[in-house]
C-alpha atoms as a PDB file:
ATOM      1  CA  MET A   1      98.341  21.404 -45.272  1.00  0.00           C
ATOM      2  CA  ILE A   2      97.366  22.655 -48.409  1.00  0.00           C
ATOM      3  CA  VAL A   3     100.969  23.131 -49.217  1.00  0.00           C
ATOM      4  CA  GLY A   4     101.931  19.328 -48.598  1.00  0.00           C
ATOM      5  CA  PHE A   5      98.866  18.383 -50.828  1.00  0.00           C
ATOM      6  CA  LEU A   6     100.187  20.550 -53.643  1.00  0.00           C
ATOM      7  CA  VAL A   7     103.819  19.000 -53.452  1.00  0.00           C
ATOM      8  CA  ILE A   8     102.367  15.620 -53.570  1.00  0.00           C
ATOM      9  CA  VAL A   9     100.392  16.505 -56.926  1.00  0.00           C
ATOM     10  CA  VAL A  10     103.599  18.084 -58.201  1.00  0.00           C
ATOM     11  CA  LEU A  11     105.586  14.999 -57.337  1.00  0.00           C
ATOM     12  CA  VAL A  12     103.097  12.659 -58.807  1.00  0.00           C
ATOM     13  CA  SER A  13     102.526  14.840 -61.926  1.00  0.00           C
ATOM     14  CA  ALA A  14     106.166  14.815 -62.500  1.00  0.00           C
ATOM     15  CA  GLY A  15     106.715  11.022 -62.116  1.00  0.00           C
ATOM     16  CA  LEU A  16     103.678  10.839 -64.629  1.00  0.00           C
ATOM     17  CA  LEU A  17     105.478  13.158 -67.310  1.00  0.00           C
ATOM     18  CA  ILE A  18     108.485  11.139 -66.926  1.00  0.00           C
ATOM     19  CA  LYS A  19     106.884   7.848 -67.244  1.00  0.00           C
ATOM     20  CA  ASN A  20     105.036   8.764 -70.434  1.00  0.00           C
ATOM     21  CA  TYR A  21     108.269  10.365 -71.844  1.00  0.00           C
ATOM     22  CA  LYS A  22     110.010   7.587 -71.772  1.00  0.00           C
ATOM     23  CA  LYS A  23     107.142   5.242 -73.117  1.00  0.00           C
ATOM     24  CA  GLY A  24     107.392   7.467 -76.007  1.00  0.00           C
ATOM     25  CA  ARG A  25     111.079   7.101 -77.035  1.00  0.00           C
ATOM     26  CA  SER A  26     112.150   4.746 -79.703  1.00  0.00           C
ATOM     27  CA  VAL A  27     114.297   1.677 -78.328  1.00  0.00           C
ATOM     28  CA  GLU A  28     117.258   0.984 -80.343  1.00  0.00           C
ATOM     29  CA  PRO A  29     118.643  -2.303 -81.062  1.00  0.00           C
ATOM     30  CA  PRO A  30     121.699  -3.361 -79.331  1.00  0.00           C
ATOM     31  CA  ILE A  31     124.854  -2.544 -81.365  1.00  0.00           C
ATOM     32  CA  LYS A  32     126.384  -5.976 -82.413  1.00  0.00           C
ATOM     33  CA  PRO A  33     130.301  -5.668 -81.279  1.00  0.00           C
ATOM     34  CA  PRO A  34     132.622  -5.761 -84.352  1.00  0.00           C
ATOM     35  CA  VAL A  35     133.826  -9.495 -83.342  1.00  0.00           C
ATOM     36  CA  PHE A  36     130.269 -10.725 -84.165  1.00  0.00           C
ATOM     37  CA  GLU A  37     130.223  -8.930 -87.524  1.00  0.00           C
ATOM     38  CA  GLN A  38     133.501 -10.102 -88.522  1.00  0.00           C
ATOM     39  CA  VAL A  39     132.569 -13.869 -87.722  1.00  0.00           C
ATOM     40  CA  GLU A  40     129.135 -13.632 -89.150  1.00  0.00           C
ATOM     41  CA  ALA A  41     130.504 -12.414 -92.373  1.00  0.00           C
ATOM     42  CA  LYS A  42     132.536 -15.487 -92.658  1.00  0.00           C
ATOM     43  CA  PHE A  43     129.493 -17.515 -92.315  1.00  0.00           C
ATOM     44  CA  PRO A  44     126.722 -15.995 -94.371  1.00  0.00           C
ATOM     45  CA  GLY A  45     124.326 -19.060 -94.071  1.00  0.00           C
ATOM     46  CA  ILE A  46     124.364 -19.250 -90.402  1.00  0.00           C
ATOM     47  CA  LYS A  47     121.307 -17.475 -88.677  1.00  0.00           C
ATOM     48  CA  VAL A  48     121.765 -16.688 -85.037  1.00  0.00           C
ATOM     49  CA  PRO A  49     118.287 -17.106 -83.298  1.00  0.00           C
ATOM     50  CA  GLU A  50     117.132 -13.928 -81.706  1.00  0.00           C
ATOM     51  CA  ASN A  51     116.613 -15.624 -78.465  1.00  0.00           C
ATOM     52  CA  ALA A  52     120.215 -16.920 -78.485  1.00  0.00           C
ATOM     53  CA  ASP A  53     122.754 -16.169 -75.608  1.00  0.00           C
ATOM     54  CA  ARG A  54     126.099 -14.888 -77.443  1.00  0.00           C
ATOM     55  CA  ALA A  55     129.756 -14.612 -76.734  1.00  0.00           C
ATOM     56  CA  GLY A  56     132.308 -13.308 -78.371  1.00  0.00           C
ATOM     57  CA  LEU A  57     135.663 -15.070 -78.664  1.00  0.00           C
ATOM     58  CA  THR A  58     139.099 -13.481 -78.912  1.00  0.00           C
ATOM     59  CA  GLY A  59     142.762 -14.512 -79.329  1.00  0.00           C
ATOM     60  CA  VAL A  60     144.564 -15.878 -76.093  1.00  0.00           C
ATOM     61  CA  SER A  61     148.069 -14.486 -75.625  1.00  0.00           C
ATOM     62  CA  GLU A  62     149.636 -14.327 -79.079  1.00  0.00           C
ATOM     63  CA  ALA A  63     147.081 -16.291 -80.815  1.00  0.00           C
ATOM     64  CA  ALA A  64     145.097 -14.861 -83.832  1.00  0.00           C
ATOM     65  CA  GLY A  65     141.769 -15.156 -84.251  1.00  0.00           C
ATOM     66  CA  VAL A  66     137.987 -14.423 -83.381  1.00  0.00           C
ATOM     67  CA  GLY A  67     135.020 -16.405 -82.964  1.00  0.00           C
ATOM     68  CA  GLU A  68     131.546 -16.187 -81.756  1.00  0.00           C
ATOM     69  CA  ALA A  69     129.298 -18.996 -79.671  1.00  0.00           C
ATOM     70  CA  PHE A  70     125.497 -18.586 -79.170  1.00  0.00           C
ATOM     71  CA  ARG A  71     123.432 -20.894 -77.671  1.00  0.00           C
ATOM     72  CA  THR A  72     119.694 -21.662 -76.738  1.00  0.00           C
ATOM     73  CA  TYR A  73     117.691 -23.804 -74.501  1.00  0.00           C
ATOM     74  CA  GLU A  74     114.032 -24.523 -75.405  1.00  0.00           C
ATOM     75  CA  ASN A  75     111.656 -27.331 -75.150  1.00  0.00           C
ATOM     76  CA  GLY A  76     114.225 -29.391 -73.320  1.00  0.00           C
ATOM     77  CA  ARG A  77     116.950 -29.172 -75.784  1.00  0.00           C
ATOM     78  CA  PHE A  78     119.904 -27.545 -75.568  1.00  0.00           C
ATOM     79  CA  ASN A  79     122.046 -26.130 -78.723  1.00  0.00           C
ATOM     80  CA  ILE A  80     125.329 -24.385 -79.027  1.00  0.00           C
ATOM     81  CA  THR A  81     126.984 -23.288 -82.251  1.00  0.00           C
ATOM     82  CA  VAL A  82     130.965 -22.221 -82.203  1.00  0.00           C
ATOM     83  CA  MET A  83     132.281 -20.120 -85.236  1.00  0.00           C
ATOM     84  CA  ALA A  84     135.707 -19.019 -85.650  1.00  0.00           C
ATOM     85  CA  ASP A  85     137.918 -17.417 -87.947  1.00  0.00           C
ATOM     86  CA  LEU A  86     141.122 -18.981 -87.555  1.00  0.00           C
ATOM     87  CA  ALA A  87     144.466 -19.788 -89.637  1.00  0.00           C
ATOM     88  CA  ALA A  88     144.754 -22.986 -91.030  1.00  0.00           C
ATOM     89  CA  THR A  89     146.664 -25.547 -89.161  1.00  0.00           C
ATOM     90  CA  ASP A  90     148.393 -28.937 -89.376  1.00  0.00           C
ATOM     91  CA  ALA A  91     146.742 -30.101 -86.016  1.00  0.00           C
ATOM     92  CA  PHE A  92     142.866 -29.520 -85.543  1.00  0.00           C
ATOM     93  CA  TYR A  93     140.596 -27.051 -83.603  1.00  0.00           C
ATOM     94  CA  GLN A  94     138.264 -28.291 -81.101  1.00  0.00           C
ATOM     95  CA  ALA A  95     135.795 -26.193 -78.997  1.00  0.00           C
ATOM     96  CA  TRP A  96     134.887 -26.562 -75.330  1.00  0.00           C
ATOM     97  CA  MET A  97     132.377 -25.326 -72.665  1.00  0.00           C
ATOM     98  CA  ALA A  98     134.005 -24.666 -69.028  1.00  0.00           C
ATOM     99  CA  LYS A  99     132.003 -24.489 -65.726  1.00  0.00           C
ATOM    100  CA  GLY A 100     134.892 -23.720 -63.283  1.00  0.00           C
ATOM    101  CA  ASP A 101     137.568 -26.813 -63.384  1.00  0.00           C
ATOM    102  CA  SER A 102     134.893 -28.390 -65.307  1.00  0.00           C
ATOM    103  CA  TYR A 103     135.340 -28.929 -69.146  1.00  0.00           C
ATOM    104  CA  LEU A 104     132.940 -30.338 -71.916  1.00  0.00           C
ATOM    105  CA  SER A 105     134.102 -31.141 -75.243  1.00  0.00           C
ATOM    106  CA  LEU A 106     131.778 -29.909 -78.080  1.00  0.00           C
ATOM    107  CA  GLY A 107     133.968 -31.623 -80.645  1.00  0.00           C
ATOM    108  CA  ARG A 108     135.853 -31.057 -83.351  1.00  0.00           C
ATOM    109  CA  MET A 109     135.532 -28.054 -85.399  1.00  0.00           C
ATOM    110  CA  SER A 110     135.136 -28.393 -89.334  1.00  0.00           C
ATOM    111  CA  LEU A 111     136.504 -26.210 -91.931  1.00  0.00           C
ATOM    112  CA  SER A 112     133.198 -24.710 -93.515  1.00  0.00           C
ATOM    113  CA  LYS A 113     131.781 -21.854 -95.275  1.00  0.00           C
ATOM    114  CA  GLY A 114     135.264 -19.553 -94.757  1.00  0.00           C
ATOM    115  CA  GLY A 115     135.911 -20.687 -91.332  1.00  0.00           C
ATOM    116  CA  TYR A 116     135.750 -23.376 -88.529  1.00  0.00           C
ATOM    117  CA  ILE A 117     132.310 -24.257 -86.940  1.00  0.00           C
ATOM    118  CA  VAL A 118     131.087 -26.778 -84.478  1.00  0.00           C
ATOM    119  CA  GLU A 119     127.297 -27.530 -83.487  1.00  0.00           C
ATOM    120  CA  PHE A 120     126.482 -29.614 -80.242  1.00  0.00           C
ATOM    121  CA  SER A 121     123.044 -30.820 -78.717  1.00  0.00           C
ATOM    122  CA  GLY A 122     121.802 -32.310 -75.989  1.00  0.00           C
ATOM    123  CA  ASN A 123     118.904 -32.800 -73.409  1.00  0.00           C
ATOM    124  CA  ILE A 124     120.567 -31.523 -70.787  1.00  0.00           C
ATOM    125  CA  ASP A 125     120.819 -27.822 -69.647  1.00  0.00           C
ATOM    126  CA  TYR A 126     124.325 -26.609 -70.071  1.00  0.00           C
ATOM    127  CA  SER A 127     123.659 -22.912 -69.407  1.00  0.00           C
ATOM    128  CA  ASP A 128     125.783 -22.914 -66.243  1.00  0.00           C
ATOM    129  CA  TYR A 129     128.490 -23.716 -68.600  1.00  0.00           C
ATOM    130  CA  SER A 130     129.583 -20.072 -69.134  1.00  0.00           C
ATOM    131  CA  LYS A 131     133.008 -20.091 -70.680  1.00  0.00           C
ATOM    132  CA  ILE A 132     133.850 -21.110 -74.267  1.00  0.00           C
ATOM    133  CA  ILE A 133     137.304 -22.391 -75.453  1.00  0.00           C
ATOM    134  CA  VAL A 134     138.570 -23.116 -78.727  1.00  0.00           C
ATOM    135  CA  SER A 135     141.840 -25.178 -78.896  1.00  0.00           C
ATOM    136  CA  ARG A 136     144.529 -26.394 -81.043  1.00  0.00           C
ATOM    137  CA  GLU A 137     144.654 -30.372 -80.957  1.00  0.00           C
ATOM    138  CA  LYS A 138     147.172 -32.696 -82.075  1.00  0.00           C
ATOM    139  CA  ALA A 139     144.967 -35.684 -80.482  1.00  0.00           C
ATOM    140  CA  LEU A 140     141.328 -36.144 -79.632  1.00  0.00           C
ATOM    141  CA  ASP A 141     141.907 -37.303 -75.976  1.00  0.00           C
ATOM    142  CA  GLY A 142     139.928 -35.001 -73.623  1.00  0.00           C
ATOM    143  CA  THR A 143     142.588 -32.565 -72.500  1.00  0.00           C
ATOM    144  CA  ILE A 144     143.080 -28.903 -73.713  1.00  0.00           C
ATOM    145  CA  GLU A 145     146.446 -28.691 -75.600  1.00  0.00           C
ATOM    146  CA  GLU A 146     146.660 -24.855 -76.591  1.00  0.00           C
ATOM    147  CA  LYS A 147     143.962 -22.572 -75.758  1.00  0.00           C
ATOM    148  CA  VAL A 148     143.596 -20.103 -78.658  1.00  0.00           C
ATOM    149  CA  LEU A 149     140.293 -18.335 -78.171  1.00  0.00           C
ATOM    150  CA  GLU A 150     138.363 -17.778 -75.226  1.00  0.00           C
ATOM    151  CA  GLY A 151     134.905 -15.755 -74.594  1.00  0.00           C
ATOM    152  CA  SER A 152     132.152 -15.659 -71.931  1.00  0.00           C
ATOM    153  CA  PHE A 153     128.141 -15.493 -71.987  1.00  0.00           C
END
């Protein structure tokens, strides 16, 4: 009986020591993926909110370029920004959100501050649209013509 009591005391003490050790360690902030650093360097005036969900966007098939999307939903307001470092085009770039087979256009991207950007806001929570697509378009017609970047939250 005494041996059982000693085993319990040792186990509880070890658990408390491990818990206190973990408390004392400093927590390092997560390292930003290189795609975020590359895109944010093109847009020095854009500040990503600390509470934002972020997605890195990479080239589809042979398309060159990188991008980043970040979104928030606060106080009944959904906001998303898509930034992309892409080559100049004779067409235009458009950003999309996707949920399964459902696509929502975020609009035509504007050339600004060294890259392409679009911002979208709404009163509906679109957080379940987890995929982001940037396409090259010749017509603003609601269909994706050529995907150039993709990523997911």
